[in-house]
Amino acid sequence: MIRIIGLAIILLLAVIAGGVLIVSAWDPSPPTARIERVVPDDHFPR
């Protein structure tokens, strides 16, 4: 029973380490669409 728990912990740590490596190496591209919004003047205090 202890051996199964040990293997489960090692597997969990390996999955976490793999996830950290993937996220650290991943370079997502920023959105390329330009967004322009017109904000009315009454939204700003005078």
PDB file of N, CA and C in Angstrom:
ATOM      1  N   MET A   1       0.821  -1.193   0.000  1.00  0.00           N
ATOM      2  CA  MET A   1       0.000   0.000   0.000  1.00  0.00           C
ATOM      3  C   MET A   1       0.866   1.258   0.000  1.00  0.00           C
ATOM      4  N   ILE A   2       1.930   1.235   0.779  1.00  0.00           N
ATOM      5  CA  ILE A   2       2.823   2.396   0.833  1.00  0.00           C
ATOM      6  C   ILE A   2       3.505   2.597  -0.516  1.00  0.00           C
ATOM      7  N   ARG A   3       3.794   1.495  -1.191  1.00  0.00           N
ATOM      8  CA  ARG A   3       4.444   1.593  -2.502  1.00  0.00           C
ATOM      9  C   ARG A   3       3.521   2.268  -3.527  1.00  0.00           C
ATOM     10  N   ILE A   4       2.238   1.948  -3.480  1.00  0.00           N
ATOM     11  CA  ILE A   4       1.274   2.557  -4.401  1.00  0.00           C
ATOM     12  C   ILE A   4       1.150   4.053  -4.121  1.00  0.00           C
ATOM     13  N   ILE A   5       1.097   4.420  -2.856  1.00  0.00           N
ATOM     14  CA  ILE A   5       1.006   5.838  -2.498  1.00  0.00           C
ATOM     15  C   ILE A   5       2.269   6.579  -2.938  1.00  0.00           C
ATOM     16  N   GLY A   6       3.422   5.957  -2.759  1.00  0.00           N
ATOM     17  CA  GLY A   6       4.680   6.565  -3.195  1.00  0.00           C
ATOM     18  C   GLY A   6       4.711   6.776  -4.700  1.00  0.00           C
ATOM     19  N   LEU A   7       4.255   5.777  -5.445  1.00  0.00           N
ATOM     20  CA  LEU A   7       4.203   5.905  -6.908  1.00  0.00           C
ATOM     21  C   LEU A   7       3.220   6.990  -7.331  1.00  0.00           C
ATOM     22  N   ALA A   8       2.095   7.095  -6.632  1.00  0.00           N
ATOM     23  CA  ALA A   8       1.119   8.128  -6.958  1.00  0.00           C
ATOM     24  C   ALA A   8       1.695   9.512  -6.695  1.00  0.00           C
ATOM     25  N   ILE A   9       2.431   9.673  -5.615  1.00  0.00           N
ATOM     26  CA  ILE A   9       3.049  10.966  -5.308  1.00  0.00           C
ATOM     27  C   ILE A   9       4.110  11.313  -6.337  1.00  0.00           C
ATOM     28  N   ILE A  10       4.909  10.349  -6.733  1.00  0.00           N
ATOM     29  CA  ILE A  10       5.944  10.585  -7.747  1.00  0.00           C
ATOM     30  C   ILE A  10       5.299  10.946  -9.083  1.00  0.00           C
ATOM     31  N   LEU A  11       4.215  10.260  -9.444  1.00  0.00           N
ATOM     32  CA  LEU A  11       3.505  10.563 -10.677  1.00  0.00           C
ATOM     33  C   LEU A  11       2.902  11.965 -10.634  1.00  0.00           C
ATOM     34  N   LEU A  12       2.337  12.352  -9.505  1.00  0.00           N
ATOM     35  CA  LEU A  12       1.775  13.687  -9.347  1.00  0.00           C
ATOM     36  C   LEU A  12       2.848  14.755  -9.474  1.00  0.00           C
ATOM     37  N   LEU A  13       3.991  14.533  -8.853  1.00  0.00           N
ATOM     38  CA  LEU A  13       5.097  15.492  -8.957  1.00  0.00           C
ATOM     39  C   LEU A  13       5.619  15.594 -10.387  1.00  0.00           C
ATOM     40  N   ALA A  14       5.663  14.475 -11.101  1.00  0.00           N
ATOM     41  CA  ALA A  14       6.115  14.490 -12.496  1.00  0.00           C
ATOM     42  C   ALA A  14       5.138  15.256 -13.377  1.00  0.00           C
ATOM     43  N   VAL A  15       3.843  15.105 -13.138  1.00  0.00           N
ATOM     44  CA  VAL A  15       2.842  15.834 -13.918  1.00  0.00           C
ATOM     45  C   VAL A  15       2.940  17.332 -13.634  1.00  0.00           C
ATOM     46  N   ILE A  16       3.125  17.701 -12.374  1.00  0.00           N
ATOM     47  CA  ILE A  16       3.261  19.116 -12.023  1.00  0.00           C
ATOM     48  C   ILE A  16       4.520  19.703 -12.650  1.00  0.00           C
ATOM     49  N   ALA A  17       5.631  18.974 -12.577  1.00  0.00           N
ATOM     50  CA  ALA A  17       6.883  19.460 -13.169  1.00  0.00           C
ATOM     51  C   ALA A  17       6.744  19.602 -14.688  1.00  0.00           C
ATOM     52  N   GLY A  18       6.075  18.666 -15.332  1.00  0.00           N
ATOM     53  CA  GLY A  18       5.855  18.755 -16.774  1.00  0.00           C
ATOM     54  C   GLY A  18       4.998  19.952 -17.134  1.00  0.00           C
ATOM     55  N   GLY A  19       3.977  20.206 -16.344  1.00  0.00           N
ATOM     56  CA  GLY A  19       3.128  21.371 -16.584  1.00  0.00           C
ATOM     57  C   GLY A  19       3.894  22.670 -16.430  1.00  0.00           C
ATOM     58  N   VAL A  20       4.752  22.738 -15.418  1.00  0.00           N
ATOM     59  CA  VAL A  20       5.562  23.939 -15.220  1.00  0.00           C
ATOM     60  C   VAL A  20       6.514  24.142 -16.396  1.00  0.00           C
ATOM     61  N   LEU A  21       7.112  23.087 -16.870  1.00  0.00           N
ATOM     62  CA  LEU A  21       8.021  23.196 -18.016  1.00  0.00           C
ATOM     63  C   LEU A  21       7.284  23.650 -19.279  1.00  0.00           C
ATOM     64  N   ILE A  22       6.112  23.108 -19.507  1.00  0.00           N
ATOM     65  CA  ILE A  22       5.351  23.490 -20.703  1.00  0.00           C
ATOM     66  C   ILE A  22       4.938  24.958 -20.631  1.00  0.00           C
ATOM     67  N   VAL A  23       4.442  25.389 -19.483  1.00  0.00           N
ATOM     68  CA  VAL A  23       4.004  26.779 -19.352  1.00  0.00           C
ATOM     69  C   VAL A  23       5.187  27.741 -19.449  1.00  0.00           C
ATOM     70  N   SER A  24       6.340  27.361 -18.904  1.00  0.00           N
ATOM     71  CA  SER A  24       7.496  28.254 -18.960  1.00  0.00           C
ATOM     72  C   SER A  24       8.076  28.342 -20.376  1.00  0.00           C
ATOM     73  N   ALA A  25       7.925  27.306 -21.174  1.00  0.00           N
ATOM     74  CA  ALA A  25       8.473  27.312 -22.529  1.00  0.00           C
ATOM     75  C   ALA A  25       7.468  27.827 -23.555  1.00  0.00           C
ATOM     76  N   TRP A  26       6.211  27.941 -23.184  1.00  0.00           N
ATOM     77  CA  TRP A  26       5.149  28.329 -24.112  1.00  0.00           C
ATOM     78  C   TRP A  26       5.202  29.826 -24.346  1.00  0.00           C
ATOM     79  N   ASP A  27       5.167  30.225 -25.607  1.00  0.00           N
ATOM     80  CA  ASP A  27       5.219  31.638 -25.968  1.00  0.00           C
ATOM     81  C   ASP A  27       3.967  31.983 -26.766  1.00  0.00           C
ATOM     82  N   PRO A  28       2.868  32.295 -26.073  1.00  0.00           N
ATOM     83  CA  PRO A  28       1.635  32.589 -26.814  1.00  0.00           C
ATOM     84  C   PRO A  28       1.756  33.918 -27.552  1.00  0.00           C
ATOM     85  N   SER A  29       1.230  33.957 -28.742  1.00  0.00           N
ATOM     86  CA  SER A  29       1.284  35.195 -29.512  1.00  0.00           C
ATOM     87  C   SER A  29       0.200  36.153 -29.027  1.00  0.00           C
ATOM     88  N   PRO A  30       0.502  37.444 -28.977  1.00  0.00           N
ATOM     89  CA  PRO A  30      -0.504  38.409 -28.545  1.00  0.00           C
ATOM     90  C   PRO A  30      -1.584  38.566 -29.614  1.00  0.00           C
ATOM     91  N   PRO A  31      -2.750  39.023 -29.222  1.00  0.00           N
ATOM     92  CA  PRO A  31      -3.799  39.228 -30.225  1.00  0.00           C
ATOM     93  C   PRO A  31      -3.382  40.291 -31.240  1.00  0.00           C
ATOM     94  N   THR A  32      -3.700  40.048 -32.486  1.00  0.00           N
ATOM     95  CA  THR A  32      -3.253  40.954 -33.546  1.00  0.00           C
ATOM     96  C   THR A  32      -4.349  41.893 -34.024  1.00  0.00           C
ATOM     97  N   ALA A  33      -5.585  41.677 -33.613  1.00  0.00           N
ATOM     98  CA  ALA A  33      -6.683  42.543 -34.057  1.00  0.00           C
ATOM     99  C   ALA A  33      -6.647  43.858 -33.283  1.00  0.00           C
ATOM    100  N   ARG A  34      -6.802  44.957 -34.010  1.00  0.00           N
ATOM    101  CA  ARG A  34      -6.803  46.270 -33.373  1.00  0.00           C
ATOM    102  C   ARG A  34      -8.214  46.600 -32.913  1.00  0.00           C
ATOM    103  N   ILE A  35      -8.333  47.085 -31.690  1.00  0.00           N
ATOM    104  CA  ILE A  35      -9.637  47.414 -31.125  1.00  0.00           C
ATOM    105  C   ILE A  35      -9.677  48.912 -30.859  1.00  0.00           C
ATOM    106  N   GLU A  36     -10.664  49.571 -31.439  1.00  0.00           N
ATOM    107  CA  GLU A  36     -10.851  51.004 -31.206  1.00  0.00           C
ATOM    108  C   GLU A  36     -12.263  51.227 -30.712  1.00  0.00           C
ATOM    109  N   ARG A  37     -12.390  51.898 -29.570  1.00  0.00           N
ATOM    110  CA  ARG A  37     -13.699  52.212 -29.020  1.00  0.00           C
ATOM    111  C   ARG A  37     -13.801  53.709 -28.810  1.00  0.00           C
ATOM    112  N   VAL A  38     -14.955  54.255 -29.114  1.00  0.00           N
ATOM    113  CA  VAL A  38     -15.211  55.672 -28.896  1.00  0.00           C
ATOM    114  C   VAL A  38     -15.913  55.807 -27.552  1.00  0.00           C
ATOM    115  N   VAL A  39     -15.291  56.554 -26.656  1.00  0.00           N
ATOM    116  CA  VAL A  39     -15.857  56.770 -25.331  1.00  0.00           C
ATOM    117  C   VAL A  39     -16.476  58.162 -25.311  1.00  0.00           C
ATOM    118  N   PRO A  40     -17.769  58.264 -25.003  1.00  0.00           N
ATOM    119  CA  PRO A  40     -18.405  59.585 -24.985  1.00  0.00           C
ATOM    120  C   PRO A  40     -17.805  60.479 -23.902  1.00  0.00           C
ATOM    121  N   ASP A  41     -17.892  61.797 -24.131  1.00  0.00           N
ATOM    122  CA  ASP A  41     -17.325  62.761 -23.194  1.00  0.00           C
ATOM    123  C   ASP A  41     -18.013  62.751 -21.838  1.00  0.00           C
ATOM    124  N   ASP A  42     -19.272  62.345 -21.775  1.00  0.00           N
ATOM    125  CA  ASP A  42     -19.976  62.380 -20.492  1.00  0.00           C
ATOM    126  C   ASP A  42     -19.495  61.292 -19.524  1.00  0.00           C
ATOM    127  N   HIS A  43     -18.607  60.420 -19.959  1.00  0.00           N
ATOM    128  CA  HIS A  43     -18.003  59.425 -19.053  1.00  0.00           C
ATOM    129  C   HIS A  43     -16.881  60.035 -18.217  1.00  0.00           C
ATOM    130  N   PHE A  44     -16.381  61.166 -18.594  1.00  0.00           N
ATOM    131  CA  PHE A  44     -15.255  61.789 -17.908  1.00  0.00           C
ATOM    132  C   PHE A  44     -15.737  62.983 -17.074  1.00  0.00           C
ATOM    133  N   PRO A  45     -15.206  63.111 -15.844  1.00  0.00           N
ATOM    134  CA  PRO A  45     -15.607  64.282 -15.016  1.00  0.00           C
ATOM    135  C   PRO A  45     -14.994  65.561 -15.554  1.00  0.00           C
ATOM    136  N   ARG A  46     -15.668  66.658 -15.284  1.00  0.00           N
ATOM    137  CA  ARG A  46     -15.157  67.963 -15.744  1.00  0.00           C
ATOM    138  C   ARG A  46     -14.605  68.747 -14.600  1.00  0.00           C
TER     139      ARG A  46
END
